[in-house]
Amino acid sequence: PVRVTHQEIAAELGSSREVISRIVEDLAGRGLIEAERGALTVL
């Protein structure tokens, strides 16, 4: 997995944590990734 927070991704991409969280939740809901606190695993 990738050890990263939603805030860190937001800082990297010039977005907000809220936007990143919604996208991560959508990707997880589609079964593409598994999202845990401080980590994302590509499935």
PDB file of all heavy atoms in Angstrom:
ATOM      1  N   PRO A   1       0.793  -1.233   0.000  1.00  0.00           N
ATOM      2  CA  PRO A   1       0.000   0.000   0.000  1.00  0.00           C
ATOM      3  C   PRO A   1       0.828   1.289   0.000  1.00  0.00           C
ATOM      4  O   PRO A   1       2.017   1.272   0.330  1.00  0.00           O
ATOM      5  CB  PRO A   1      -0.812  -0.109   1.291  1.00  0.00           C
ATOM      6  CG  PRO A   1       0.056  -0.926   2.192  1.00  0.00           C
ATOM      7  CD  PRO A   1       0.721  -1.943   1.288  1.00  0.00           C
ATOM      8  N   VAL A   2       0.152   2.366  -0.377  1.00  0.00           N
ATOM      9  CA  VAL A   2       0.751   3.697  -0.368  1.00  0.00           C
ATOM     10  C   VAL A   2       0.454   4.341   0.976  1.00  0.00           C
ATOM     11  O   VAL A   2      -0.717   4.486   1.350  1.00  0.00           O
ATOM     12  CB  VAL A   2       0.161   4.575  -1.500  1.00  0.00           C
ATOM     13  CG1 VAL A   2       0.814   5.955  -1.503  1.00  0.00           C
ATOM     14  CG2 VAL A   2       0.324   3.888  -2.849  1.00  0.00           C
ATOM     15  N   ARG A   3       1.504   4.693   1.713  1.00  0.00           N
ATOM     16  CA  ARG A   3       1.327   5.325   3.020  1.00  0.00           C
ATOM     17  C   ARG A   3       1.148   6.830   2.820  1.00  0.00           C
ATOM     18  O   ARG A   3       2.116   7.555   2.574  1.00  0.00           O
ATOM     19  CB  ARG A   3       2.533   5.052   3.911  1.00  0.00           C
ATOM     20  CG  ARG A   3       2.823   3.582   4.137  1.00  0.00           C
ATOM     21  CD  ARG A   3       1.701   2.889   4.898  1.00  0.00           C
ATOM     22  NE  ARG A   3       1.946   1.450   5.046  1.00  0.00           N
ATOM     23  CZ  ARG A   3       1.091   0.606   5.611  1.00  0.00           C
ATOM     24  NH1 ARG A   3      -0.063   1.063   6.094  1.00  0.00           N
ATOM     25  NH2 ARG A   3       1.370  -0.683   5.688  1.00  0.00           N
ATOM     26  N   VAL A   4      -0.084   7.301   2.895  1.00  0.00           N
ATOM     27  CA  VAL A   4      -0.371   8.703   2.619  1.00  0.00           C
ATOM     28  C   VAL A   4      -1.733   9.073   3.200  1.00  0.00           C
ATOM     29  O   VAL A   4      -2.610   8.221   3.339  1.00  0.00           O
ATOM     30  CB  VAL A   4      -0.370   8.955   1.088  1.00  0.00           C
ATOM     31  CG1 VAL A   4      -1.531   8.241   0.408  1.00  0.00           C
ATOM     32  CG2 VAL A   4      -0.364  10.435   0.758  1.00  0.00           C
ATOM     33  N   THR A   5      -1.894  10.328   3.563  1.00  0.00           N
ATOM     34  CA  THR A   5      -3.182  10.824   4.040  1.00  0.00           C
ATOM     35  C   THR A   5      -3.884  11.583   2.915  1.00  0.00           C
ATOM     36  O   THR A   5      -3.255  11.990   1.928  1.00  0.00           O
ATOM     37  CB  THR A   5      -3.019  11.770   5.235  1.00  0.00           C
ATOM     38  OG1 THR A   5      -2.344  12.970   4.799  1.00  0.00           O
ATOM     39  CG2 THR A   5      -2.221  11.106   6.352  1.00  0.00           C
ATOM     40  N   HIS A   6      -5.171  11.790   3.072  1.00  0.00           N
ATOM     41  CA  HIS A   6      -5.928  12.560   2.080  1.00  0.00           C
ATOM     42  C   HIS A   6      -5.391  13.990   1.999  1.00  0.00           C
ATOM     43  O   HIS A   6      -5.336  14.573   0.910  1.00  0.00           O
ATOM     44  CB  HIS A   6      -7.413  12.569   2.446  1.00  0.00           C
ATOM     45  CG  HIS A   6      -8.046  11.220   2.384  1.00  0.00           C
ATOM     46  ND1 HIS A   6      -9.391  11.007   2.598  1.00  0.00           N
ATOM     47  CD2 HIS A   6      -7.517   9.991   2.114  1.00  0.00           C
ATOM     48  CE1 HIS A   6      -9.658   9.714   2.476  1.00  0.00           C
ATOM     49  NE2 HIS A   6      -8.528   9.076   2.198  1.00  0.00           N
ATOM     50  N   GLN A   7      -4.978  14.544   3.126  1.00  0.00           N
ATOM     51  CA  GLN A   7      -4.448  15.905   3.141  1.00  0.00           C
ATOM     52  C   GLN A   7      -3.146  15.984   2.354  1.00  0.00           C
ATOM     53  O   GLN A   7      -2.889  16.967   1.649  1.00  0.00           O
ATOM     54  CB  GLN A   7      -4.224  16.382   4.576  1.00  0.00           C
ATOM     55  CG  GLN A   7      -3.712  17.813   4.687  1.00  0.00           C
ATOM     56  CD  GLN A   7      -4.651  18.816   4.042  1.00  0.00           C
ATOM     57  OE1 GLN A   7      -5.847  18.828   4.331  1.00  0.00           O
ATOM     58  NE2 GLN A   7      -4.130  19.640   3.148  1.00  0.00           N
ATOM     59  N   GLU A   8      -2.318  14.955   2.457  1.00  0.00           N
ATOM     60  CA  GLU A   8      -1.048  14.952   1.722  1.00  0.00           C
ATOM     61  C   GLU A   8      -1.284  14.878   0.215  1.00  0.00           C
ATOM     62  O   GLU A   8      -0.591  15.535  -0.562  1.00  0.00           O
ATOM     63  CB  GLU A   8      -0.181  13.785   2.203  1.00  0.00           C
ATOM     64  CG  GLU A   8       0.389  14.011   3.598  1.00  0.00           C
ATOM     65  CD  GLU A   8       1.019  12.763   4.188  1.00  0.00           C
ATOM     66  OE1 GLU A   8       0.715  11.644   3.711  1.00  0.00           O
ATOM     67  OE2 GLU A   8       1.817  12.878   5.131  1.00  0.00           O
ATOM     68  N   ILE A   9      -2.276  14.076  -0.208  1.00  0.00           N
ATOM     69  CA  ILE A   9      -2.607  14.019  -1.636  1.00  0.00           C
ATOM     70  C   ILE A   9      -3.130  15.379  -2.094  1.00  0.00           C
ATOM     71  O   ILE A   9      -2.774  15.869  -3.173  1.00  0.00           O
ATOM     72  CB  ILE A   9      -3.660  12.926  -1.913  1.00  0.00           C
ATOM     73  CG1 ILE A   9      -3.117  11.551  -1.525  1.00  0.00           C
ATOM     74  CG2 ILE A   9      -4.056  12.938  -3.389  1.00  0.00           C
ATOM     75  CD1 ILE A   9      -4.142  10.431  -1.671  1.00  0.00           C
ATOM     76  N   ALA A  10      -3.963  16.001  -1.282  1.00  0.00           N
ATOM     77  CA  ALA A  10      -4.505  17.324  -1.625  1.00  0.00           C
ATOM     78  C   ALA A  10      -3.382  18.331  -1.809  1.00  0.00           C
ATOM     79  O   ALA A  10      -3.406  19.143  -2.747  1.00  0.00           O
ATOM     80  CB  ALA A  10      -5.480  17.787  -0.540  1.00  0.00           C
ATOM     81  N   ALA A  11      -2.389  18.293  -0.929  1.00  0.00           N
ATOM     82  CA  ALA A  11      -1.257  19.217  -1.033  1.00  0.00           C
ATOM     83  C   ALA A  11      -0.455  18.965  -2.302  1.00  0.00           C
ATOM     84  O   ALA A  11       0.026  19.900  -2.951  1.00  0.00           O
ATOM     85  CB  ALA A  11      -0.358  19.092   0.198  1.00  0.00           C
ATOM     86  N   GLU A  12      -0.320  17.689  -2.668  1.00  0.00           N
ATOM     87  CA  GLU A  12       0.424  17.343  -3.871  1.00  0.00           C
ATOM     88  C   GLU A  12      -0.278  17.854  -5.124  1.00  0.00           C
ATOM     89  O   GLU A  12       0.357  18.331  -6.069  1.00  0.00           O
ATOM     90  CB  GLU A  12       0.596  15.825  -3.975  1.00  0.00           C
ATOM     91  CG  GLU A  12       1.566  15.236  -3.000  1.00  0.00           C
ATOM     92  CD  GLU A  12       2.999  15.600  -3.324  1.00  0.00           C
ATOM     93  OE1 GLU A  12       3.356  15.584  -4.502  1.00  0.00           O
ATOM     94  OE2 GLU A  12       3.745  15.922  -2.391  1.00  0.00           O
ATOM     95  N   LEU A  13      -1.596  17.772  -5.145  1.00  0.00           N
ATOM     96  CA  LEU A  13      -2.354  18.033  -6.366  1.00  0.00           C
ATOM     97  C   LEU A  13      -3.037  19.389  -6.379  1.00  0.00           C
ATOM     98  O   LEU A  13      -3.739  19.725  -7.340  1.00  0.00           O
ATOM     99  CB  LEU A  13      -3.391  16.923  -6.578  1.00  0.00           C
ATOM    100  CG  LEU A  13      -2.814  15.507  -6.713  1.00  0.00           C
ATOM    101  CD1 LEU A  13      -3.922  14.494  -6.933  1.00  0.00           C
ATOM    102  CD2 LEU A  13      -1.813  15.441  -7.850  1.00  0.00           C
ATOM    103  N   GLY A  14      -2.863  20.185  -5.324  1.00  0.00           N
ATOM    104  CA  GLY A  14      -3.452  21.514  -5.298  1.00  0.00           C
ATOM    105  C   GLY A  14      -4.962  21.494  -5.157  1.00  0.00           C
ATOM    106  O   GLY A  14      -5.670  22.323  -5.740  1.00  0.00           O
ATOM    107  N   SER A  15      -5.470  20.551  -4.380  1.00  0.00           N
ATOM    108  CA  SER A  15      -6.905  20.425  -4.178  1.00  0.00           C
ATOM    109  C   SER A  15      -7.203  20.554  -2.682  1.00  0.00           C
ATOM    110  O   SER A  15      -6.351  20.989  -1.903  1.00  0.00           O
ATOM    111  CB  SER A  15      -7.389  19.072  -4.717  1.00  0.00           C
ATOM    112  OG  SER A  15      -8.788  18.947  -4.632  1.00  0.00           O
ATOM    113  N   SER A  16      -8.427  20.201  -2.297  1.00  0.00           N
ATOM    114  CA  SER A  16      -8.795  20.224  -0.881  1.00  0.00           C
ATOM    115  C   SER A  16      -8.942  18.796  -0.369  1.00  0.00           C
ATOM    116  O   SER A  16      -9.180  17.859  -1.148  1.00  0.00           O
ATOM    117  CB  SER A  16     -10.118  20.969  -0.678  1.00  0.00           C
ATOM    118  OG  SER A  16     -11.195  20.244  -1.250  1.00  0.00           O
ATOM    119  N   ARG A  17      -8.803  18.626   0.926  1.00  0.00           N
ATOM    120  CA  ARG A  17      -8.922  17.292   1.512  1.00  0.00           C
ATOM    121  C   ARG A  17     -10.310  16.713   1.255  1.00  0.00           C
ATOM    122  O   ARG A  17     -10.462  15.507   1.016  1.00  0.00           O
ATOM    123  CB  ARG A  17      -8.650  17.355   3.015  1.00  0.00           C
ATOM    124  CG  ARG A  17      -8.678  15.988   3.708  1.00  0.00           C
ATOM    125  CD  ARG A  17      -8.512  16.123   5.208  1.00  0.00           C
ATOM    126  NE  ARG A  17      -9.558  16.938   5.794  1.00  0.00           N
ATOM    127  CZ  ARG A  17     -10.808  16.498   6.036  1.00  0.00           C
ATOM    128  NH1 ARG A  17     -11.148  15.247   5.726  1.00  0.00           N
ATOM    129  NH2 ARG A  17     -11.691  17.301   6.575  1.00  0.00           N
ATOM    130  N   GLU A  18     -11.340  17.574   1.298  1.00  0.00           N
ATOM    131  CA  GLU A  18     -12.705  17.100   1.103  1.00  0.00           C
ATOM    132  C   GLU A  18     -12.902  16.508  -0.293  1.00  0.00           C
ATOM    133  O   GLU A  18     -13.530  15.459  -0.464  1.00  0.00           O
ATOM    134  CB  GLU A  18     -13.697  18.244   1.336  1.00  0.00           C
ATOM    135  CG  GLU A  18     -13.786  18.728   2.781  1.00  0.00           C
ATOM    136  CD  GLU A  18     -12.606  19.609   3.188  1.00  0.00           C
ATOM    137  OE1 GLU A  18     -11.849  20.050   2.289  1.00  0.00           O
ATOM    138  OE2 GLU A  18     -12.437  19.840   4.399  1.00  0.00           O
ATOM    139  N   VAL A  19     -12.351  17.193  -1.302  1.00  0.00           N
ATOM    140  CA  VAL A  19     -12.461  16.689  -2.678  1.00  0.00           C
ATOM    141  C   VAL A  19     -11.733  15.361  -2.811  1.00  0.00           C
ATOM    142  O   VAL A  19     -12.255  14.394  -3.390  1.00  0.00           O
ATOM    143  CB  VAL A  19     -11.892  17.717  -3.682  1.00  0.00           C
ATOM    144  CG1 VAL A  19     -11.750  17.096  -5.069  1.00  0.00           C
ATOM    145  CG2 VAL A  19     -12.792  18.941  -3.747  1.00  0.00           C
ATOM    146  N   ILE A  20     -10.527  15.282  -2.270  1.00  0.00           N
ATOM    147  CA  ILE A  20      -9.752  14.054  -2.350  1.00  0.00           C
ATOM    148  C   ILE A  20     -10.474  12.913  -1.639  1.00  0.00           C
ATOM    149  O   ILE A  20     -10.525  11.782  -2.140  1.00  0.00           O
ATOM    150  CB  ILE A  20      -8.344  14.247  -1.749  1.00  0.00           C
ATOM    151  CG1 ILE A  20      -7.575  15.335  -2.511  1.00  0.00           C
ATOM    152  CG2 ILE A  20      -7.579  12.929  -1.758  1.00  0.00           C
ATOM    153  CD1 ILE A  20      -7.407  15.072  -3.987  1.00  0.00           C
ATOM    154  N   SER A  21     -11.047  13.196  -0.492  1.00  0.00           N
ATOM    155  CA  SER A  21     -11.755  12.160   0.262  1.00  0.00           C
ATOM    156  C   SER A  21     -12.926  11.595  -0.535  1.00  0.00           C
ATOM    157  O   SER A  21     -13.156  10.374  -0.541  1.00  0.00           O
ATOM    158  CB  SER A  21     -12.254  12.728   1.602  1.00  0.00           C
ATOM    159  OG  SER A  21     -11.178  13.064   2.439  1.00  0.00           O
ATOM    160  N   ARG A  22     -13.668  12.466  -1.217  1.00  0.00           N
ATOM    161  CA  ARG A  22     -14.796  11.990  -2.023  1.00  0.00           C
ATOM    162  C   ARG A  22     -14.319  11.091  -3.164  1.00  0.00           C
ATOM    163  O   ARG A  22     -14.934  10.059  -3.455  1.00  0.00           O
ATOM    164  CB  ARG A  22     -15.583  13.179  -2.587  1.00  0.00           C
ATOM    165  CG  ARG A  22     -16.437  13.899  -1.550  1.00  0.00           C
ATOM    166  CD  ARG A  22     -17.501  14.761  -2.216  1.00  0.00           C
ATOM    167  NE  ARG A  22     -16.910  15.813  -3.033  1.00  0.00           N
ATOM    168  CZ  ARG A  22     -16.598  17.028  -2.572  1.00  0.00           C
ATOM    169  NH1 ARG A  22     -16.816  17.316  -1.296  1.00  0.00           N
ATOM    170  NH2 ARG A  22     -16.088  17.936  -3.360  1.00  0.00           N
ATOM    171  N   ILE A  23     -13.222  11.475  -3.797  1.00  0.00           N
ATOM    172  CA  ILE A  23     -12.695  10.672  -4.906  1.00  0.00           C
ATOM    173  C   ILE A  23     -12.184   9.329  -4.403  1.00  0.00           C
ATOM    174  O   ILE A  23     -12.441   8.285  -5.015  1.00  0.00           O
ATOM    175  CB  ILE A  23     -11.582  11.441  -5.644  1.00  0.00           C
ATOM    176  CG1 ILE A  23     -12.186  12.666  -6.345  1.00  0.00           C
ATOM    177  CG2 ILE A  23     -10.873  10.544  -6.648  1.00  0.00           C
ATOM    178  CD1 ILE A  23     -11.157  13.596  -6.935  1.00  0.00           C
ATOM    179  N   VAL A  24     -11.468   9.339  -3.286  1.00  0.00           N
ATOM    180  CA  VAL A  24     -10.953   8.096  -2.708  1.00  0.00           C
ATOM    181  C   VAL A  24     -12.109   7.165  -2.324  1.00  0.00           C
ATOM    182  O   VAL A  24     -12.062   5.953  -2.581  1.00  0.00           O
ATOM    183  CB  VAL A  24     -10.062   8.396  -1.487  1.00  0.00           C
ATOM    184  CG1 VAL A  24      -9.776   7.112  -0.696  1.00  0.00           C
ATOM    185  CG2 VAL A  24      -8.750   9.046  -1.929  1.00  0.00           C
ATOM    186  N   GLU A  25     -13.139   7.731  -1.729  1.00  0.00           N
ATOM    187  CA  GLU A  25     -14.304   6.926  -1.355  1.00  0.00           C
ATOM    188  C   GLU A  25     -14.963   6.312  -2.577  1.00  0.00           C
ATOM    189  O   GLU A  25     -15.401   5.146  -2.553  1.00  0.00           O
ATOM    190  CB  GLU A  25     -15.301   7.785  -0.586  1.00  0.00           C
ATOM    191  CG  GLU A  25     -14.838   8.158   0.817  1.00  0.00           C
ATOM    192  CD  GLU A  25     -15.739   9.200   1.472  1.00  0.00           C
ATOM    193  OE1 GLU A  25     -16.781   9.544   0.858  1.00  0.00           O
ATOM    194  OE2 GLU A  25     -15.398   9.671   2.575  1.00  0.00           O
ATOM    195  N   ASP A  26     -15.025   7.065  -3.671  1.00  0.00           N
ATOM    196  CA  ASP A  26     -15.610   6.551  -4.898  1.00  0.00           C
ATOM    197  C   ASP A  26     -14.765   5.412  -5.469  1.00  0.00           C
ATOM    198  O   ASP A  26     -15.301   4.373  -5.887  1.00  0.00           O
ATOM    199  CB  ASP A  26     -15.728   7.677  -5.933  1.00  0.00           C
ATOM    200  CG  ASP A  26     -16.291   7.189  -7.260  1.00  0.00           C
ATOM    201  OD1 ASP A  26     -17.470   6.794  -7.298  1.00  0.00           O
ATOM    202  OD2 ASP A  26     -15.542   7.186  -8.256  1.00  0.00           O
ATOM    203  N   LEU A  27     -13.448   5.594  -5.483  1.00  0.00           N
ATOM    204  CA  LEU A  27     -12.556   4.546  -5.994  1.00  0.00           C
ATOM    205  C   LEU A  27     -12.653   3.288  -5.138  1.00  0.00           C
ATOM    206  O   LEU A  27     -12.641   2.164  -5.663  1.00  0.00           O
ATOM    207  CB  LEU A  27     -11.114   5.056  -6.028  1.00  0.00           C
ATOM    208  CG  LEU A  27     -10.813   6.212  -7.002  1.00  0.00           C
ATOM    209  CD1 LEU A  27      -9.372   6.680  -6.825  1.00  0.00           C
ATOM    210  CD2 LEU A  27     -11.071   5.798  -8.437  1.00  0.00           C
ATOM    211  N   ALA A  28     -12.772   3.479  -3.829  1.00  0.00           N
ATOM    212  CA  ALA A  28     -12.901   2.335  -2.930  1.00  0.00           C
ATOM    213  C   ALA A  28     -14.245   1.642  -3.147  1.00  0.00           C
ATOM    214  O   ALA A  28     -14.333   0.406  -3.141  1.00  0.00           O
ATOM    215  CB  ALA A  28     -12.750   2.791  -1.483  1.00  0.00           C
ATOM    216  N   GLY A  29     -15.307   2.439  -3.343  1.00  0.00           N
ATOM    217  CA  GLY A  29     -16.631   1.873  -3.572  1.00  0.00           C
ATOM    218  C   GLY A  29     -16.710   1.054  -4.848  1.00  0.00           C
ATOM    219  O   GLY A  29     -17.504   0.114  -4.948  1.00  0.00           O
ATOM    220  N   ARG A  30     -15.878   1.400  -5.827  1.00  0.00           N
ATOM    221  CA  ARG A  30     -15.842   0.660  -7.087  1.00  0.00           C
ATOM    222  C   ARG A  30     -14.925  -0.558  -7.018  1.00  0.00           C
ATOM    223  O   ARG A  30     -14.787  -1.292  -8.001  1.00  0.00           O
ATOM    224  CB  ARG A  30     -15.382   1.584  -8.218  1.00  0.00           C
ATOM    225  CG  ARG A  30     -16.352   2.712  -8.524  1.00  0.00           C
ATOM    226  CD  ARG A  30     -15.753   3.705  -9.511  1.00  0.00           C
ATOM    227  NE  ARG A  30     -16.639   4.826  -9.745  1.00  0.00           N
ATOM    228  CZ  ARG A  30     -17.568   4.889 -10.691  1.00  0.00           C
ATOM    229  NH1 ARG A  30     -17.715   3.846 -11.517  1.00  0.00           N
ATOM    230  NH2 ARG A  30     -18.345   5.940 -10.839  1.00  0.00           N
ATOM    231  N   GLY A  31     -14.253  -0.740  -5.872  1.00  0.00           N
ATOM    232  CA  GLY A  31     -13.391  -1.900  -5.695  1.00  0.00           C
ATOM    233  C   GLY A  31     -12.022  -1.754  -6.323  1.00  0.00           C
ATOM    234  O   GLY A  31     -11.285  -2.738  -6.468  1.00  0.00           O
ATOM    235  N   LEU A  32     -11.651  -0.524  -6.682  1.00  0.00           N
ATOM    236  CA  LEU A  32     -10.354  -0.305  -7.319  1.00  0.00           C
ATOM    237  C   LEU A  32      -9.235  -0.219  -6.288  1.00  0.00           C
ATOM    238  O   LEU A  32      -8.100  -0.615  -6.559  1.00  0.00           O
ATOM    239  CB  LEU A  32     -10.377   0.980  -8.158  1.00  0.00           C
ATOM    240  CG  LEU A  32     -10.954   0.868  -9.575  1.00  0.00           C
ATOM    241  CD1 LEU A  32     -12.416   0.433  -9.552  1.00  0.00           C
ATOM    242  CD2 LEU A  32     -10.825   2.208 -10.296  1.00  0.00           C
ATOM    243  N   ILE A  33      -9.567   0.332  -5.115  1.00  0.00           N
ATOM    244  CA  ILE A  33      -8.590   0.473  -4.050  1.00  0.00           C
ATOM    245  C   ILE A  33      -9.243   0.108  -2.719  1.00  0.00           C
ATOM    246  O   ILE A  33     -10.471   0.035  -2.608  1.00  0.00           O
ATOM    247  CB  ILE A  33      -8.025   1.916  -3.955  1.00  0.00           C
ATOM    248  CG1 ILE A  33      -9.136   2.891  -3.530  1.00  0.00           C
ATOM    249  CG2 ILE A  33      -7.383   2.345  -5.264  1.00  0.00           C
ATOM    250  CD1 ILE A  33      -8.627   4.299  -3.244  1.00  0.00           C
ATOM    251  N   GLU A  34      -8.406  -0.112  -1.740  1.00  0.00           N
ATOM    252  CA  GLU A  34      -8.865  -0.259  -0.356  1.00  0.00           C
ATOM    253  C   GLU A  34      -8.293   0.911   0.428  1.00  0.00           C
ATOM    254  O   GLU A  34      -7.088   1.173   0.368  1.00  0.00           O
ATOM    255  CB  GLU A  34      -8.387  -1.573   0.246  1.00  0.00           C
ATOM    256  CG  GLU A  34      -8.852  -1.779   1.688  1.00  0.00           C
ATOM    257  CD  GLU A  34      -8.349  -3.091   2.274  1.00  0.00           C
ATOM    258  OE1 GLU A  34      -7.575  -3.783   1.595  1.00  0.00           O
ATOM    259  OE2 GLU A  34      -8.729  -3.404   3.417  1.00  0.00           O
ATOM    260  N   ALA A  35      -9.170   1.637   1.109  1.00  0.00           N
ATOM    261  CA  ALA A  35      -8.749   2.836   1.829  1.00  0.00           C
ATOM    262  C   ALA A  35      -8.797   2.589   3.330  1.00  0.00           C
ATOM    263  O   ALA A  35      -9.837   2.204   3.879  1.00  0.00           O
ATOM    264  CB  ALA A  35      -9.642   4.016   1.463  1.00  0.00           C
ATOM    265  N   GLU A  36      -7.647   2.783   3.970  1.00  0.00           N
ATOM    266  CA  GLU A  36      -7.548   2.706   5.423  1.00  0.00           C
ATOM    267  C   GLU A  36      -6.942   4.010   5.922  1.00  0.00           C
ATOM    268  O   GLU A  36      -6.437   4.810   5.131  1.00  0.00           O
ATOM    269  CB  GLU A  36      -6.663   1.526   5.832  1.00  0.00           C
ATOM    270  CG  GLU A  36      -7.184   0.184   5.355  1.00  0.00           C
ATOM    271  CD  GLU A  36      -6.222  -0.941   5.708  1.00  0.00           C
ATOM    272  OE1 GLU A  36      -5.102  -0.939   5.173  1.00  0.00           O
ATOM    273  OE2 GLU A  36      -6.601  -1.780   6.528  1.00  0.00           O
ATOM    274  N   ARG A  37      -6.966   4.232   7.218  1.00  0.00           N
ATOM    275  CA  ARG A  37      -6.398   5.456   7.759  1.00  0.00           C
ATOM    276  C   ARG A  37      -4.897   5.513   7.464  1.00  0.00           C
ATOM    277  O   ARG A  37      -4.131   4.658   7.910  1.00  0.00           O
ATOM    278  CB  ARG A  37      -6.635   5.539   9.267  1.00  0.00           C
ATOM    279  CG  ARG A  37      -6.075   6.824   9.912  1.00  0.00           C
ATOM    280  CD  ARG A  37      -6.380   6.879  11.386  1.00  0.00           C
ATOM    281  NE  ARG A  37      -7.816   6.998  11.627  1.00  0.00           N
ATOM    282  CZ  ARG A  37      -8.477   8.143  11.638  1.00  0.00           C
ATOM    283  NH1 ARG A  37      -7.836   9.277  11.412  1.00  0.00           N
ATOM    284  NH2 ARG A  37      -9.781   8.166  11.871  1.00  0.00           N
ATOM    285  N   GLY A  38      -4.497   6.499   6.710  1.00  0.00           N
ATOM    286  CA  GLY A  38      -3.082   6.689   6.409  1.00  0.00           C
ATOM    287  C   GLY A  38      -2.518   5.771   5.360  1.00  0.00           C
ATOM    288  O   GLY A  38      -1.303   5.721   5.160  1.00  0.00           O
ATOM    289  N   ALA A  39      -3.375   5.021   4.637  1.00  0.00           N
ATOM    290  CA  ALA A  39      -2.865   4.095   3.629  1.00  0.00           C
ATOM    291  C   ALA A  39      -3.918   3.798   2.569  1.00  0.00           C
ATOM    292  O   ALA A  39      -5.116   3.727   2.857  1.00  0.00           O
ATOM    293  CB  ALA A  39      -2.413   2.788   4.275  1.00  0.00           C
ATOM    294  N   LEU A  40      -3.446   3.626   1.329  1.00  0.00           N
ATOM    295  CA  LEU A  40      -4.298   3.233   0.210  1.00  0.00           C
ATOM    296  C   LEU A  40      -3.655   2.028  -0.472  1.00  0.00           C
ATOM    297  O   LEU A  40      -2.459   2.046  -0.773  1.00  0.00           O
ATOM    298  CB  LEU A  40      -4.438   4.371  -0.807  1.00  0.00           C
ATOM    299  CG  LEU A  40      -5.006   5.689  -0.300  1.00  0.00           C
ATOM    300  CD1 LEU A  40      -4.936   6.748  -1.396  1.00  0.00           C
ATOM    301  CD2 LEU A  40      -6.442   5.514   0.180  1.00  0.00           C
ATOM    302  N   THR A  41      -4.454   0.977  -0.701  1.00  0.00           N
ATOM    303  CA  THR A  41      -3.958  -0.222  -1.364  1.00  0.00           C
ATOM    304  C   THR A  41      -4.672  -0.387  -2.697  1.00  0.00           C
ATOM    305  O   THR A  41      -5.902  -0.422  -2.742  1.00  0.00           O
ATOM    306  CB  THR A  41      -4.193  -1.472  -0.507  1.00  0.00           C
ATOM    307  OG1 THR A  41      -3.568  -1.298   0.770  1.00  0.00           O
ATOM    308  CG2 THR A  41      -3.632  -2.715  -1.193  1.00  0.00           C
ATOM    309  N   VAL A  42      -3.917  -0.480  -3.786  1.00  0.00           N
ATOM    310  CA  VAL A  42      -4.518  -0.698  -5.103  1.00  0.00           C
ATOM    311  C   VAL A  42      -4.902  -2.169  -5.227  1.00  0.00           C
ATOM    312  O   VAL A  42      -4.062  -3.054  -5.056  1.00  0.00           O
ATOM    313  CB  VAL A  42      -3.551  -0.291  -6.235  1.00  0.00           C
ATOM    314  CG1 VAL A  42      -4.159  -0.634  -7.601  1.00  0.00           C
ATOM    315  CG2 VAL A  42      -3.237   1.193  -6.164  1.00  0.00           C
ATOM    316  N   LEU A  43      -6.167  -2.420  -5.538  1.00  0.00           N
ATOM    317  CA  LEU A  43      -6.672  -3.785  -5.683  1.00  0.00           C
ATOM    318  C   LEU A  43      -6.767  -4.209  -7.143  1.00  0.00           C
ATOM    319  O   LEU A  43      -6.657  -5.393  -7.450  1.00  0.00           O
ATOM    320  CB  LEU A  43      -8.060  -3.902  -5.031  1.00  0.00           C
ATOM    321  CG  LEU A  43      -8.153  -3.518  -3.551  1.00  0.00           C
ATOM    322  CD1 LEU A  43      -9.599  -3.604  -3.085  1.00  0.00           C
ATOM    323  CD2 LEU A  43      -7.254  -4.403  -2.705  1.00  0.00           C
TER     324      LEU A  43
END
